[in-house]
Amino acid sequence: MLKSTFKQLSSSSCQKSKQMIADSFSYHPTRGQREKAILMQTLSDASLGNTLITKVTDSTKSITGTLGLVALSVGKLELEDKSFPSVIVDYLFVDYEHRNKIYEHLEEKVSTSLLYYAIQIAEEIARLAGVRYLILRPDGGKENKKLVAFYESMEFRYMTDKHEWMYLKLT
């Protein structure tokens, strides 16, 4: 069993602790400013109640601090004049020190754990509210072949050749 703990952050904690949360992470050496700016915007959205942020930590305490987080919201997928209720992955962020690492006691990469969590939540919402898709946009778009391959390994697909968004059908 995965030894990760997922904790949802309240909108008030995102508002009160936005800077502290953002400062608690380490970022990519060249893309760090952009990553932090996106995280700050995501925390602002969460403080308004527009997105739900869940952080992941190591429940065994072998690794301290927050390993990463995922931000989810509800919206709609627009495709060929049709609209489909969807859960949107607004941001999936893994602390730079923990990227692409598989810790034996966690059994998988942090990004995989966060995406499985997002899928689980989206499936729960789908059962309650008729949401049909989990959608996301890979950072860097289709050119980020490594990230696209990761999402495809989790059964996400592109909507069309023209779209940058990927989807996972829930129902």
C-alpha atoms as a PDB file:
ATOM      1  CA  MET A   1       0.000   0.000   0.000  1.00  0.00           C
ATOM      2  CA  LEU A   2       1.224   3.476  -0.858  1.00  0.00           C
ATOM      3  CA  LYS A   3       2.596   5.327   2.144  1.00  0.00           C
ATOM      4  CA  SER A   4       1.531   8.809   1.101  1.00  0.00           C
ATOM      5  CA  THR A   5      -0.785  11.117   2.963  1.00  0.00           C
ATOM      6  CA  PHE A   6      -3.073  13.422   0.989  1.00  0.00           C
ATOM      7  CA  LYS A   7      -4.425  16.518   2.685  1.00  0.00           C
ATOM      8  CA  GLN A   8      -6.776  19.050   1.164  1.00  0.00           C
ATOM      9  CA  LEU A   9      -5.933  22.672   1.859  1.00  0.00           C
ATOM     10  CA  SER A  10      -8.800  24.950   2.833  1.00  0.00           C
ATOM     11  CA  SER A  11      -9.377  28.157   0.908  1.00  0.00           C
ATOM     12  CA  SER A  12      -8.560  30.169   4.047  1.00  0.00           C
ATOM     13  CA  SER A  13      -5.245  28.356   4.574  1.00  0.00           C
ATOM     14  CA  CYS A  14      -4.338  29.020   0.923  1.00  0.00           C
ATOM     15  CA  GLN A  15      -5.140  32.688   1.417  1.00  0.00           C
ATOM     16  CA  LYS A  16      -3.330  33.085   4.746  1.00  0.00           C
ATOM     17  CA  SER A  17      -0.304  30.933   3.923  1.00  0.00           C
ATOM     18  CA  LYS A  18       0.099  31.407   0.162  1.00  0.00           C
ATOM     19  CA  GLN A  19       3.632  32.798   0.335  1.00  0.00           C
ATOM     20  CA  MET A  20       4.731  30.337   3.013  1.00  0.00           C
ATOM     21  CA  ILE A  21       3.400  27.391   0.977  1.00  0.00           C
ATOM     22  CA  ALA A  22       5.132  28.607  -2.195  1.00  0.00           C
ATOM     23  CA  ASP A  23       8.393  29.270  -0.336  1.00  0.00           C
ATOM     24  CA  SER A  24       8.384  25.761   1.161  1.00  0.00           C
ATOM     25  CA  PHE A  25       9.128  24.168  -2.232  1.00  0.00           C
ATOM     26  CA  SER A  26      12.298  23.912  -4.255  1.00  0.00           C
ATOM     27  CA  TYR A  27      11.992  24.727  -7.943  1.00  0.00           C
ATOM     28  CA  HIS A  28      13.691  23.873 -11.218  1.00  0.00           C
ATOM     29  CA  PRO A  29      16.920  25.904 -11.673  1.00  0.00           C
ATOM     30  CA  THR A  30      15.855  27.535 -14.947  1.00  0.00           C
ATOM     31  CA  ARG A  31      12.055  27.283 -14.888  1.00  0.00           C
ATOM     32  CA  GLY A  32      11.649  27.986 -11.189  1.00  0.00           C
ATOM     33  CA  GLN A  33      10.315  31.530 -11.456  1.00  0.00           C
ATOM     34  CA  ARG A  34       7.600  30.390 -13.843  1.00  0.00           C
ATOM     35  CA  GLU A  35       6.736  27.377 -11.661  1.00  0.00           C
ATOM     36  CA  LYS A  36       6.451  29.562  -8.575  1.00  0.00           C
ATOM     37  CA  ALA A  37       4.326  32.149 -10.400  1.00  0.00           C
ATOM     38  CA  ILE A  38       1.918  29.425 -11.559  1.00  0.00           C
ATOM     39  CA  LEU A  39       1.803  28.011  -8.036  1.00  0.00           C
ATOM     40  CA  MET A  40       1.080  31.460  -6.572  1.00  0.00           C
ATOM     41  CA  GLN A  41      -1.771  31.962  -9.077  1.00  0.00           C
ATOM     42  CA  THR A  42      -3.136  28.502  -8.298  1.00  0.00           C
ATOM     43  CA  LEU A  43      -3.050  29.269  -4.561  1.00  0.00           C
ATOM     44  CA  SER A  44      -4.868  32.553  -5.254  1.00  0.00           C
ATOM     45  CA  ASP A  45      -7.546  30.660  -7.184  1.00  0.00           C
ATOM     46  CA  ALA A  46      -7.830  28.214  -4.293  1.00  0.00           C
ATOM     47  CA  SER A  47      -8.202  31.054  -1.777  1.00  0.00           C
ATOM     48  CA  LEU A  48     -11.260  32.186  -3.773  1.00  0.00           C
ATOM     49  CA  GLY A  49     -12.697  28.669  -3.722  1.00  0.00           C
ATOM     50  CA  ASN A  50     -12.212  28.185  -7.482  1.00  0.00           C
ATOM     51  CA  THR A  51      -9.883  25.200  -7.232  1.00  0.00           C
ATOM     52  CA  LEU A  52      -9.165  22.533  -4.644  1.00  0.00           C
ATOM     53  CA  ILE A  53      -5.550  21.927  -3.684  1.00  0.00           C
ATOM     54  CA  THR A  54      -4.365  18.686  -2.153  1.00  0.00           C
ATOM     55  CA  LYS A  55      -0.815  18.208  -0.943  1.00  0.00           C
ATOM     56  CA  VAL A  56       1.014  14.924  -0.569  1.00  0.00           C
ATOM     57  CA  THR A  57       3.471  14.021   2.170  1.00  0.00           C
ATOM     58  CA  ASP A  58       5.268  10.851   3.205  1.00  0.00           C
ATOM     59  CA  SER A  59       3.238   9.235   5.970  1.00  0.00           C
ATOM     60  CA  THR A  60       6.296   7.368   7.291  1.00  0.00           C
ATOM     61  CA  LYS A  61       8.098  10.702   7.827  1.00  0.00           C
ATOM     62  CA  SER A  62      11.207   9.270   6.108  1.00  0.00           C
ATOM     63  CA  ILE A  63      10.952  12.242   3.776  1.00  0.00           C
ATOM     64  CA  THR A  64      10.006  15.517   5.410  1.00  0.00           C
ATOM     65  CA  GLY A  65       7.935  18.334   3.987  1.00  0.00           C
ATOM     66  CA  THR A  66       5.424  18.450   1.183  1.00  0.00           C
ATOM     67  CA  LEU A  67       6.407  16.339  -1.811  1.00  0.00           C
ATOM     68  CA  GLY A  68       3.990  17.974  -4.216  1.00  0.00           C
ATOM     69  CA  LEU A  69       0.430  19.026  -4.807  1.00  0.00           C
ATOM     70  CA  VAL A  70      -2.397  18.817  -7.283  1.00  0.00           C
ATOM     71  CA  ALA A  71      -5.054  21.451  -7.944  1.00  0.00           C
ATOM     72  CA  LEU A  72      -8.434  20.370  -9.303  1.00  0.00           C
ATOM     73  CA  SER A  73     -11.473  22.301 -10.446  1.00  0.00           C
ATOM     74  CA  VAL A  74     -14.681  21.558 -12.303  1.00  0.00           C
ATOM     75  CA  GLY A  75     -15.396  22.969 -15.730  1.00  0.00           C
ATOM     76  CA  LYS A  76     -16.374  21.792 -19.155  1.00  0.00           C
ATOM     77  CA  LEU A  77     -14.690  20.335 -22.167  1.00  0.00           C
ATOM     78  CA  GLU A  78     -15.700  22.124 -25.370  1.00  0.00           C
ATOM     79  CA  LEU A  79     -15.375  19.961 -28.444  1.00  0.00           C
ATOM     80  CA  GLU A  80     -17.008  20.458 -31.830  1.00  0.00           C
ATOM     81  CA  ASP A  81     -19.904  22.578 -30.537  1.00  0.00           C
ATOM     82  CA  LYS A  82     -20.522  20.159 -27.674  1.00  0.00           C
ATOM     83  CA  SER A  83     -19.869  20.700 -23.998  1.00  0.00           C
ATOM     84  CA  PHE A  84     -18.943  17.950 -21.523  1.00  0.00           C
ATOM     85  CA  PRO A  85     -18.723  18.402 -17.730  1.00  0.00           C
ATOM     86  CA  SER A  86     -15.129  17.732 -16.658  1.00  0.00           C
ATOM     87  CA  VAL A  87     -12.732  17.764 -13.760  1.00  0.00           C
ATOM     88  CA  ILE A  88      -9.682  19.837 -14.674  1.00  0.00           C
ATOM     89  CA  VAL A  89      -6.164  19.310 -13.389  1.00  0.00           C
ATOM     90  CA  ASP A  90      -5.252  22.982 -12.963  1.00  0.00           C
ATOM     91  CA  TYR A  91      -1.750  22.249 -11.732  1.00  0.00           C
ATOM     92  CA  LEU A  92       0.242  19.190 -10.786  1.00  0.00           C
ATOM     93  CA  PHE A  93       3.463  20.177  -9.057  1.00  0.00           C
ATOM     94  CA  VAL A  94       6.241  18.062  -7.589  1.00  0.00           C
ATOM     95  CA  ASP A  95       8.974  19.624  -5.472  1.00  0.00           C
ATOM     96  CA  TYR A  96      12.152  19.765  -7.555  1.00  0.00           C
ATOM     97  CA  GLU A  97      14.066  17.613  -5.060  1.00  0.00           C
ATOM     98  CA  HIS A  98      11.542  14.787  -5.518  1.00  0.00           C
ATOM     99  CA  ARG A  99      10.989  14.819  -9.292  1.00  0.00           C
ATOM    100  CA  ASN A 100      11.566  11.609 -11.213  1.00  0.00           C
ATOM    101  CA  LYS A 101      12.558   9.736  -8.074  1.00  0.00           C
ATOM    102  CA  ILE A 102      11.005   6.501  -6.993  1.00  0.00           C
ATOM    103  CA  TYR A 103      11.271   6.021  -3.259  1.00  0.00           C
ATOM    104  CA  GLU A 104      11.122   2.336  -2.394  1.00  0.00           C
ATOM    105  CA  HIS A 105       8.685   2.819   0.463  1.00  0.00           C
ATOM    106  CA  LEU A 106       6.364   5.030  -1.633  1.00  0.00           C
ATOM    107  CA  GLU A 107       6.314   2.482  -4.497  1.00  0.00           C
ATOM    108  CA  GLU A 108       6.025   5.092  -7.295  1.00  0.00           C
ATOM    109  CA  LYS A 109       7.009   8.579  -8.371  1.00  0.00           C
ATOM    110  CA  VAL A 110       5.283  11.459  -6.588  1.00  0.00           C
ATOM    111  CA  SER A 111       3.782  12.654  -9.886  1.00  0.00           C
ATOM    112  CA  THR A 112       2.212   9.241 -10.449  1.00  0.00           C
ATOM    113  CA  SER A 113       0.807   9.223  -6.933  1.00  0.00           C
ATOM    114  CA  LEU A 114      -0.699  12.697  -7.431  1.00  0.00           C
ATOM    115  CA  LEU A 115      -2.238  11.759 -10.769  1.00  0.00           C
ATOM    116  CA  TYR A 116      -3.751   8.559  -9.326  1.00  0.00           C
ATOM    117  CA  TYR A 117      -5.226  10.702  -6.558  1.00  0.00           C
ATOM    118  CA  ALA A 118      -6.676  13.145  -9.126  1.00  0.00           C
ATOM    119  CA  ILE A 119      -8.215  10.235 -11.055  1.00  0.00           C
ATOM    120  CA  GLN A 120      -9.719   8.811  -7.867  1.00  0.00           C
ATOM    121  CA  ILE A 121     -11.283  12.170  -6.935  1.00  0.00           C
ATOM    122  CA  ALA A 122     -12.552  12.714 -10.492  1.00  0.00           C
ATOM    123  CA  GLU A 123     -14.160   9.254 -10.496  1.00  0.00           C
ATOM    124  CA  GLU A 124     -15.853  10.051  -7.188  1.00  0.00           C
ATOM    125  CA  ILE A 125     -17.176  13.345  -8.587  1.00  0.00           C
ATOM    126  CA  ALA A 126     -18.331  11.510 -11.742  1.00  0.00           C
ATOM    127  CA  ARG A 127     -20.424   9.124  -9.634  1.00  0.00           C
ATOM    128  CA  LEU A 128     -22.062  12.036  -7.815  1.00  0.00           C
ATOM    129  CA  ALA A 129     -22.414  14.683 -10.498  1.00  0.00           C
ATOM    130  CA  GLY A 130     -22.234  13.167 -13.951  1.00  0.00           C
ATOM    131  CA  VAL A 131     -18.786  14.485 -14.841  1.00  0.00           C
ATOM    132  CA  ARG A 132     -17.453  12.533 -17.820  1.00  0.00           C
ATOM    133  CA  TYR A 133     -13.777  13.481 -18.209  1.00  0.00           C
ATOM    134  CA  LEU A 134     -10.613  14.364 -16.360  1.00  0.00           C
ATOM    135  CA  ILE A 135      -8.689  16.835 -18.510  1.00  0.00           C
ATOM    136  CA  LEU A 136      -5.246  18.411 -18.374  1.00  0.00           C
ATOM    137  CA  ARG A 137      -2.800  20.307 -20.528  1.00  0.00           C
ATOM    138  CA  PRO A 138       0.791  19.038 -20.464  1.00  0.00           C
ATOM    139  CA  ASP A 139       3.212  21.827 -19.565  1.00  0.00           C
ATOM    140  CA  GLY A 140       5.067  22.611 -22.760  1.00  0.00           C
ATOM    141  CA  GLY A 141       2.338  21.070 -24.905  1.00  0.00           C
ATOM    142  CA  LYS A 142       2.866  18.246 -27.356  1.00  0.00           C
ATOM    143  CA  GLU A 143       6.557  19.133 -27.682  1.00  0.00           C
ATOM    144  CA  ASN A 144       7.144  17.897 -24.133  1.00  0.00           C
ATOM    145  CA  LYS A 145       7.258  14.303 -25.343  1.00  0.00           C
ATOM    146  CA  LYS A 146       8.401  12.851 -22.017  1.00  0.00           C
ATOM    147  CA  LEU A 147       5.470  14.386 -20.135  1.00  0.00           C
ATOM    148  CA  VAL A 148       3.003  13.452 -22.874  1.00  0.00           C
ATOM    149  CA  ALA A 149       4.284   9.855 -22.752  1.00  0.00           C
ATOM    150  CA  PHE A 150       3.757   9.838 -18.967  1.00  0.00           C
ATOM    151  CA  TYR A 151       0.141  10.986 -19.348  1.00  0.00           C
ATOM    152  CA  GLU A 152      -0.446   8.516 -22.176  1.00  0.00           C
ATOM    153  CA  SER A 153       0.870   5.729 -19.910  1.00  0.00           C
ATOM    154  CA  MET A 154      -1.935   6.730 -17.538  1.00  0.00           C
ATOM    155  CA  GLU A 155      -4.423   6.379 -20.447  1.00  0.00           C
ATOM    156  CA  PHE A 156      -4.868  10.074 -21.227  1.00  0.00           C
ATOM    157  CA  ARG A 157      -5.411  10.863 -24.906  1.00  0.00           C
ATOM    158  CA  TYR A 158      -5.484  14.017 -26.991  1.00  0.00           C
ATOM    159  CA  MET A 159      -8.973  15.206 -27.875  1.00  0.00           C
ATOM    160  CA  THR A 160      -7.993  15.929 -31.472  1.00  0.00           C
ATOM    161  CA  ASP A 161      -4.758  16.599 -33.339  1.00  0.00           C
ATOM    162  CA  LYS A 162      -5.450  20.337 -32.990  1.00  0.00           C
ATOM    163  CA  HIS A 163      -5.908  20.395 -29.206  1.00  0.00           C
ATOM    164  CA  GLU A 164      -3.268  20.793 -26.503  1.00  0.00           C
ATOM    165  CA  TRP A 165      -5.596  19.298 -23.898  1.00  0.00           C
ATOM    166  CA  MET A 166      -5.627  15.620 -23.004  1.00  0.00           C
ATOM    167  CA  TYR A 167      -8.495  13.700 -21.469  1.00  0.00           C
ATOM    168  CA  LEU A 168      -9.241  10.550 -19.521  1.00  0.00           C
ATOM    169  CA  LYS A 169     -12.787   9.247 -19.930  1.00  0.00           C
ATOM    170  CA  LEU A 170     -14.333   8.599 -16.516  1.00  0.00           C
ATOM    171  CA  THR A 171     -17.710   7.101 -17.421  1.00  0.00           C
END
